[in-house]
C-alpha atoms as a PDB file:
ATOM      1  CA  MET A   1       0.000   0.000   0.000  1.00  0.00           C
ATOM      2  CA  ARG A   2       2.866   2.355   0.790  1.00  0.00           C
ATOM      3  CA  SER A   3       4.480   1.861  -2.582  1.00  0.00           C
ATOM      4  CA  PHE A   4       1.122   2.622  -4.256  1.00  0.00           C
ATOM      5  CA  ARG A   5       0.813   5.926  -2.318  1.00  0.00           C
ATOM      6  CA  ALA A   6       4.404   6.811  -3.087  1.00  0.00           C
ATOM      7  CA  SER A   7       3.884   6.099  -6.766  1.00  0.00           C
ATOM      8  CA  LEU A   8       0.892   8.489  -6.772  1.00  0.00           C
ATOM      9  CA  LEU A   9       2.543  11.121  -4.588  1.00  0.00           C
ATOM     10  CA  LEU A  10       5.705  11.551  -6.654  1.00  0.00           C
ATOM     11  CA  PRO A  11       3.907  12.363  -9.954  1.00  0.00           C
ATOM     12  CA  ALA A  12       1.518  14.696  -8.129  1.00  0.00           C
ATOM     13  CA  LEU A  13       4.435  16.589  -6.573  1.00  0.00           C
ATOM     14  CA  ALA A  14       6.194  16.767  -9.922  1.00  0.00           C
ATOM     15  CA  LEU A  15       3.052  18.173 -11.530  1.00  0.00           C
ATOM     16  CA  LEU A  16       2.748  20.819  -8.786  1.00  0.00           C
ATOM     17  CA  ALA A  17       6.391  21.748  -9.172  1.00  0.00           C
ATOM     18  CA  VAL A  18       5.804  22.419 -12.877  1.00  0.00           C
ATOM     19  CA  ALA A  19       2.370  24.070 -12.555  1.00  0.00           C
ATOM     20  CA  LEU A  20       2.957  26.435  -9.626  1.00  0.00           C
ATOM     21  CA  PRO A  21       5.624  28.617 -11.267  1.00  0.00           C
ATOM     22  CA  ALA A  22       3.395  29.004 -14.331  1.00  0.00           C
ATOM     23  CA  CYS A  23       0.457  30.161 -12.177  1.00  0.00           C
ATOM     24  CA  SER A  24       2.463  32.624 -10.158  1.00  0.00           C
ATOM     25  CA  SER A  25       4.029  34.480 -13.057  1.00  0.00           C
ATOM     26  CA  LYS A  26       3.451  38.206 -12.911  1.00  0.00           C
ATOM     27  CA  ASP A  27       3.692  38.970 -16.590  1.00  0.00           C
ATOM     28  CA  ASN A  28       2.056  42.302 -17.284  1.00  0.00           C
ATOM     29  CA  ARG A  29      -0.237  41.704 -20.232  1.00  0.00           C
ATOM     30  CA  TYR A  30      -0.740  45.434 -20.872  1.00  0.00           C
ATOM     31  CA  PRO A  31       2.511  47.255 -20.055  1.00  0.00           C
ATOM     32  CA  GLU A  32       1.452  50.529 -21.751  1.00  0.00           C
ATOM     33  CA  ASP A  33      -1.758  50.707 -19.701  1.00  0.00           C
ATOM     34  CA  HIS A  34       0.134  49.887 -16.522  1.00  0.00           C
ATOM     35  CA  ALA A  35       2.689  52.616 -17.234  1.00  0.00           C
ATOM     36  CA  ARG A  36      -0.134  55.111 -17.840  1.00  0.00           C
ATOM     37  CA  PHE A  37      -1.821  54.234 -14.539  1.00  0.00           C
ATOM     38  CA  ILE A  38       1.497  54.752 -12.763  1.00  0.00           C
ATOM     39  CA  LYS A  39       1.845  58.201 -14.417  1.00  0.00           C
ATOM     40  CA  ILE A  40      -1.705  59.126 -13.383  1.00  0.00           C
ATOM     41  CA  ASP A  41      -1.123  57.982  -9.802  1.00  0.00           C
ATOM     42  CA  LYS A  42       2.124  59.976  -9.603  1.00  0.00           C
ATOM     43  CA  ALA A  43       0.428  63.094 -11.006  1.00  0.00           C
ATOM     44  CA  VAL A  44      -2.427  62.845  -8.477  1.00  0.00           C
ATOM     45  CA  GLU A  45       0.034  62.377  -5.616  1.00  0.00           C
ATOM     46  CA  SER A  46       2.196  65.259  -6.877  1.00  0.00           C
ATOM     47  CA  LEU A  47      -0.852  67.543  -6.795  1.00  0.00           C
ATOM     48  CA  ARG A  48      -1.745  66.510  -3.235  1.00  0.00           C
ATOM     49  CA  ASN A  49       1.835  66.865  -2.071  1.00  0.00           C
ATOM     50  CA  ALA A  50       2.325  70.293  -3.703  1.00  0.00           C
ATOM     51  CA  TYR A  51      -0.905  71.584  -2.129  1.00  0.00           C
ATOM     52  CA  SER A  52       0.135  70.328   1.323  1.00  0.00           C
ATOM     53  CA  ARG A  53       3.556  71.980   0.842  1.00  0.00           C
ATOM     54  CA  LYS A  54       1.813  75.150  -0.378  1.00  0.00           C
ATOM     55  CA  ASP A  55       3.857  75.134  -3.590  1.00  0.00           C
ATOM     56  CA  LEU A  56       1.814  76.979  -6.211  1.00  0.00           C
ATOM     57  CA  SER A  57       4.512  76.775  -8.889  1.00  0.00           C
ATOM     58  CA  ASP A  58       4.546  72.961  -8.714  1.00  0.00           C
ATOM     59  CA  ILE A  59       0.740  72.945  -8.870  1.00  0.00           C
ATOM     60  CA  GLN A  60       0.717  75.208 -11.918  1.00  0.00           C
ATOM     61  CA  GLY A  61       3.285  72.926 -13.547  1.00  0.00           C
ATOM     62  CA  LEU A  62       0.707  70.133 -13.365  1.00  0.00           C
ATOM     63  CA  MET A  63      -2.101  72.206 -14.930  1.00  0.00           C
ATOM     64  CA  LEU A  64      -3.121  72.950 -18.477  1.00  0.00           C
ATOM     65  CA  PRO A  65      -3.673  76.694 -19.063  1.00  0.00           C
ATOM     66  CA  ARG A  66      -7.450  77.000 -18.605  1.00  0.00           C
ATOM     67  CA  GLU A  67      -9.577  79.720 -17.056  1.00  0.00           C
ATOM     68  CA  ALA A  68     -11.248  77.382 -14.545  1.00  0.00           C
ATOM     69  CA  LEU A  69      -7.852  76.130 -13.380  1.00  0.00           C
ATOM     70  CA  GLU A  70      -6.519  79.681 -13.062  1.00  0.00           C
ATOM     71  CA  ARG A  71      -9.439  80.427 -10.729  1.00  0.00           C
ATOM     72  CA  ALA A  72      -8.613  77.277  -8.735  1.00  0.00           C
ATOM     73  CA  ALA A  73      -4.960  78.373  -8.529  1.00  0.00           C
ATOM     74  CA  LEU A  74      -6.071  81.757  -7.123  1.00  0.00           C
ATOM     75  CA  ASP A  75      -8.216  79.952  -4.537  1.00  0.00           C
ATOM     76  CA  MET A  76      -5.229  77.801  -3.602  1.00  0.00           C
ATOM     77  CA  GLN A  77      -3.028  80.893  -3.272  1.00  0.00           C
ATOM     78  CA  GLN A  78      -5.601  82.367  -0.897  1.00  0.00           C
ATOM     79  CA  ASP A  79      -5.496  79.112   1.127  1.00  0.00           C
ATOM     80  CA  PHE A  80      -1.709  79.363   1.315  1.00  0.00           C
ATOM     81  CA  SER A  81      -1.793  82.954   2.568  1.00  0.00           C
ATOM     82  CA  THR A  82      -4.642  82.261   5.051  1.00  0.00           C
ATOM     83  CA  TYR A  83      -3.459  78.994   6.578  1.00  0.00           C
ATOM     84  CA  GLN A  84      -0.027  78.358   8.010  1.00  0.00           C
ATOM     85  CA  GLU A  85      -0.485  74.585   7.977  1.00  0.00           C
ATOM     86  CA  ILE A  86      -2.383  72.454   5.503  1.00  0.00           C
ATOM     87  CA  ALA A  87      -2.618  68.680   5.891  1.00  0.00           C
ATOM     88  CA  LEU A  88      -4.404  66.835   3.118  1.00  0.00           C
ATOM     89  CA  ASP A  89      -4.912  63.127   2.587  1.00  0.00           C
ATOM     90  CA  TRP A  90      -6.825  61.487  -0.184  1.00  0.00           C
ATOM     91  CA  THR A  91      -7.454  58.144  -1.717  1.00  0.00           C
ATOM     92  CA  ILE A  92      -8.250  57.362  -5.297  1.00  0.00           C
ATOM     93  CA  ASP A  93     -11.677  55.802  -5.506  1.00  0.00           C
ATOM     94  CA  ARG A  94     -11.757  55.211  -9.250  1.00  0.00           C
ATOM     95  CA  ILE A  95      -9.942  56.083 -12.474  1.00  0.00           C
ATOM     96  CA  THR A  96     -11.870  56.297 -15.730  1.00  0.00           C
ATOM     97  CA  ILE A  97     -10.009  56.671 -19.019  1.00  0.00           C
ATOM     98  CA  GLU A  98     -11.652  57.578 -22.311  1.00  0.00           C
ATOM     99  CA  GLY A  99      -9.091  58.338 -24.996  1.00  0.00           C
ATOM    100  CA  GLU A 100      -6.886  61.120 -23.666  1.00  0.00           C
ATOM    101  CA  GLY A 101      -9.443  62.116 -21.001  1.00  0.00           C
ATOM    102  CA  ILE A 102      -8.891  60.793 -17.491  1.00  0.00           C
ATOM    103  CA  ASP A 103     -11.275  61.220 -14.549  1.00  0.00           C
ATOM    104  CA  VAL A 104      -9.860  60.458 -11.121  1.00  0.00           C
ATOM    105  CA  ILE A 105     -12.427  60.342  -8.320  1.00  0.00           C
ATOM    106  CA  VAL A 106     -10.798  61.101  -4.971  1.00  0.00           C
ATOM    107  CA  ASN A 107     -12.071  60.941  -1.413  1.00  0.00           C
ATOM    108  CA  TRP A 108     -10.235  63.513   0.691  1.00  0.00           C
ATOM    109  CA  ALA A 109      -9.877  64.695   4.270  1.00  0.00           C
ATOM    110  CA  GLY A 110      -7.919  67.746   5.344  1.00  0.00           C
ATOM    111  CA  GLN A 111      -7.074  70.076   8.158  1.00  0.00           C
ATOM    112  CA  TRP A 112      -6.288  73.778   7.770  1.00  0.00           C
ATOM    113  CA  ARG A 113      -4.663  75.748  10.627  1.00  0.00           C
ATOM    114  CA  LYS A 114      -3.932  79.464  10.837  1.00  0.00           C
ATOM    115  CA  SER A 115      -1.289  78.847  13.518  1.00  0.00           C
ATOM    116  CA  PRO A 116       0.153  75.834  15.343  1.00  0.00           C
ATOM    117  CA  ALA A 117      -2.009  76.664  18.389  1.00  0.00           C
ATOM    118  CA  ASP A 118      -5.172  76.934  16.269  1.00  0.00           C
ATOM    119  CA  PRO A 119      -7.329  73.790  16.393  1.00  0.00           C
ATOM    120  CA  GLY A 120      -8.080  74.511  12.756  1.00  0.00           C
ATOM    121  CA  ILE A 121     -10.877  73.283  10.597  1.00  0.00           C
ATOM    122  CA  ARG A 122     -11.399  69.778   9.359  1.00  0.00           C
ATOM    123  CA  GLU A 123     -13.283  68.996   6.204  1.00  0.00           C
ATOM    124  CA  ARG A 124     -13.756  66.016   3.944  1.00  0.00           C
ATOM    125  CA  GLY A 125     -15.366  65.371   0.629  1.00  0.00           C
ATOM    126  CA  GLN A 126     -15.218  63.759  -2.769  1.00  0.00           C
ATOM    127  CA  GLY A 127     -14.401  65.271  -6.125  1.00  0.00           C
ATOM    128  CA  VAL A 128     -13.154  64.607  -9.613  1.00  0.00           C
ATOM    129  CA  LEU A 129      -9.731  65.565 -10.906  1.00  0.00           C
ATOM    130  CA  LYS A 130      -9.941  65.714 -14.697  1.00  0.00           C
ATOM    131  CA  TRP A 131      -6.613  64.961 -16.354  1.00  0.00           C
ATOM    132  CA  ALA A 132      -5.593  64.781 -19.989  1.00  0.00           C
ATOM    133  CA  GLY A 133      -2.752  63.196 -21.876  1.00  0.00           C
ATOM    134  CA  GLU A 134      -1.049  59.933 -22.541  1.00  0.00           C
ATOM    135  CA  LYS A 135       2.686  60.551 -22.408  1.00  0.00           C
ATOM    136  CA  THR A 136       2.371  63.597 -20.134  1.00  0.00           C
ATOM    137  CA  VAL A 137      -0.571  63.772 -17.742  1.00  0.00           C
ATOM    138  CA  LEU A 138      -1.786  67.297 -16.901  1.00  0.00           C
ATOM    139  CA  LEU A 139      -4.746  68.590 -14.911  1.00  0.00           C
ATOM    140  CA  ASN A 140      -7.503  69.680 -17.274  1.00  0.00           C
ATOM    141  CA  GLY A 141     -10.386  70.446 -14.910  1.00  0.00           C
ATOM    142  CA  LEU A 142     -11.961  70.036 -11.486  1.00  0.00           C
ATOM    143  CA  ASP A 143     -15.432  68.915 -10.508  1.00  0.00           C
ATOM    144  CA  GLY A 144     -17.318  68.159  -7.331  1.00  0.00           C
ATOM    145  CA  ASP A 145     -16.280  68.925  -3.778  1.00  0.00           C
ATOM    146  CA  LEU A 146     -12.493  69.321  -3.748  1.00  0.00           C
ATOM    147  CA  PRO A 147     -10.380  70.769  -0.922  1.00  0.00           C
ATOM    148  CA  PHE A 148      -8.977  73.684  -2.889  1.00  0.00           C
ATOM    149  CA  GLY A 149     -10.281  77.132  -1.945  1.00  0.00           C
ATOM    150  CA  MET A 150     -11.001  76.425   1.709  1.00  0.00           C
ATOM    151  CA  ALA A 151     -10.290  80.057   2.702  1.00  0.00           C
ATOM    152  CA  ALA A 152     -12.874  81.368   0.230  1.00  0.00           C
ATOM    153  CA  ARG A 153     -15.358  78.731   1.374  1.00  0.00           C
ATOM    154  CA  ARG A 154     -14.901  79.605   5.023  1.00  0.00           C
ATOM    155  CA  ALA A 155     -15.139  83.348   4.334  1.00  0.00           C
ATOM    156  CA  GLY A 156     -18.558  82.801   2.755  1.00  0.00           C
ATOM    157  CA  ASP A 157     -19.858  80.527   5.538  1.00  0.00           C
ATOM    158  CA  PRO A 158     -21.368  81.963   8.717  1.00  0.00           C
ATOM    159  CA  ALA A 159     -19.188  81.153  11.735  1.00  0.00           C
ATOM    160  CA  ARG A 160     -19.886  77.701  13.087  1.00  0.00           C
ATOM    161  CA  PRO A 161     -20.270  77.294  16.847  1.00  0.00           C
ATOM    162  CA  GLY A 162     -16.923  76.650  18.484  1.00  0.00           C
ATOM    163  CA  GLN A 163     -14.893  77.821  15.477  1.00  0.00           C
ATOM    164  CA  PRO A 164     -13.334  81.228  14.833  1.00  0.00           C
END
């Protein structure tokens, strides 16, 4: 009986030894698409990082010259002059690509402080970053509830209880 089990076990192990490496291969079937997703992810992260660092020139380097984006850049500049500290986190919920158009839906949470002692304001939301391009990915538009322009938003809101 033992020799029968051994005769079945050895071929089964040999088959597994051949089959497992074939199943675990990580060949990228669409390397161009993968490279484009990496570019998009890096562009989105560069925008978040530049906003948190309050670096308007880096932000403008990511934008196409459009009137709506110029208005957003002015709102960001007002945020930078109003708040000493800006902390922004976001996660990509979904990326939709149609030709050269790219929509990136982000969920975000941020905190804006006028001074280190200031408890600041906390907000969160969801919006769409509209990008364009294949080789170079640049911001083409904004939609929804995005964190940019918090100073203008807060100036238009009546004071909330417990906040300056």
